Amino acid sequence: MTRQRFTQEYKDQAVSLVPDSGRTIVDMARSIDVHEITLAQWVRKAKESDQVPEPDLPETDCAELERLRKENATLRMERGFAKK
């Protein structure tokens, strides 16, 4: 069995389907005939590079999300120092 190769355009389109559809990555992967781990990796990379838009959230949720992201970054940094 040979390894499938996908164009960047195909990956971008697949990633854009995930938040728009409201379906899980596993369901979307099955429907487009891509392994779920592969699609999950594409989505993760797109999120890291801010190519995937966040779903529309109420202003209070956005503020809480931002606070939690900052707290998470701080905790990761503290954990890193503790390991050393």
Protein backbone atom coordinates (compact mmCIF):
# COMPACT_ATOMS: atom_id res chain seq x y z
CA MET A 1 0.00 0.00 0.00
CA THR A 2 1.39 3.39 -0.94
CA ARG A 3 1.14 6.45 1.19
CA GLN A 4 -1.42 9.03 0.11
CA ARG A 5 -0.19 12.54 -0.60
CA PHE A 6 -2.50 15.50 -0.22
CA THR A 7 -2.03 18.99 -1.61
CA GLN A 8 -1.95 21.94 0.76
CA GLU A 9 -5.16 23.19 -0.83
CA TYR A 10 -6.90 19.90 -0.02
CA LYS A 11 -5.64 20.04 3.58
CA ASP A 12 -6.84 23.63 3.98
CA GLN A 13 -10.28 22.76 2.65
CA ALA A 14 -10.54 19.72 4.92
CA VAL A 15 -9.52 21.78 7.95
CA SER A 16 -12.07 24.48 7.13
CA LEU A 17 -14.85 21.88 7.07
CA VAL A 18 -14.34 20.86 10.70
CA PRO A 19 -15.56 23.99 12.53
CA ASP A 20 -18.14 24.81 9.84
CA SER A 21 -19.86 21.43 9.98
CA GLY A 22 -20.26 21.11 13.73
CA ARG A 23 -19.23 17.46 13.41
CA THR A 24 -16.34 15.75 15.15
CA ILE A 25 -12.97 15.25 13.51
CA VAL A 26 -13.60 11.50 13.42
CA ASP A 27 -16.89 11.95 11.54
CA MET A 28 -15.38 14.44 9.11
CA ALA A 29 -12.34 12.23 8.51
CA ARG A 30 -14.56 9.27 7.65
CA SER A 31 -16.70 11.34 5.30
CA ILE A 32 -13.69 12.64 3.33
CA ASP A 33 -11.82 9.31 3.50
CA VAL A 34 -8.85 10.55 5.54
CA HIS A 35 -7.54 8.92 8.70
CA GLU A 36 -8.79 10.75 11.79
CA ILE A 37 -5.29 11.19 13.22
CA THR A 38 -4.16 12.78 9.98
CA LEU A 39 -7.06 15.24 9.97
CA ALA A 40 -6.52 16.00 13.66
CA GLN A 41 -2.87 16.84 12.94
CA TRP A 42 -3.87 19.14 10.09
CA VAL A 43 -6.37 20.91 12.37
CA ARG A 44 -3.80 21.24 15.19
CA LYS A 45 -1.19 22.72 12.84
CA ALA A 46 -3.72 25.13 11.40
CA LYS A 47 -4.76 26.25 14.89
CA GLU A 48 -1.13 26.76 15.89
CA SER A 49 -0.63 29.01 12.88
CA ASP A 50 -4.00 30.76 13.50
CA GLN A 51 -5.47 29.63 10.19
CA VAL A 52 -8.58 28.13 11.79
CA PRO A 53 -11.06 30.75 12.95
CA GLU A 54 -12.34 30.33 16.47
CA PRO A 55 -16.08 29.74 16.66
CA ASP A 56 -18.12 32.85 17.42
CA LEU A 57 -18.42 33.14 21.19
CA PRO A 58 -20.20 35.63 23.39
CA GLU A 59 -17.96 38.40 24.70
CA THR A 60 -17.91 36.97 28.23
CA ASP A 61 -16.76 33.59 26.93
CA CYS A 62 -14.04 35.23 24.84
CA ALA A 63 -12.72 37.08 27.89
CA GLU A 64 -12.74 33.88 29.93
CA LEU A 65 -11.04 31.95 27.14
CA GLU A 66 -8.29 34.57 26.92
CA ARG A 67 -7.82 34.48 30.72
CA LEU A 68 -7.60 30.69 30.71
CA ARG A 69 -5.08 30.69 27.86
CA LYS A 70 -2.85 33.09 29.79
CA GLU A 71 -3.21 31.01 32.93
CA ASN A 72 -2.39 27.85 30.97
CA ALA A 73 0.76 29.45 29.54
CA THR A 74 1.85 30.53 33.02
CA LEU A 75 1.27 27.06 34.46
CA ARG A 76 3.20 25.43 31.62
CA MET A 77 6.11 27.78 32.24
CA GLU A 78 6.06 27.06 35.98
CA ARG A 79 5.90 23.33 35.33
CA GLY A 80 8.89 23.65 33.00
CA PHE A 81 10.90 25.38 35.69
CA ALA A 82 9.88 22.77 38.27
CA LYS A 83 11.14 19.96 36.03
CA LYS A 84 14.56 21.58 35.77
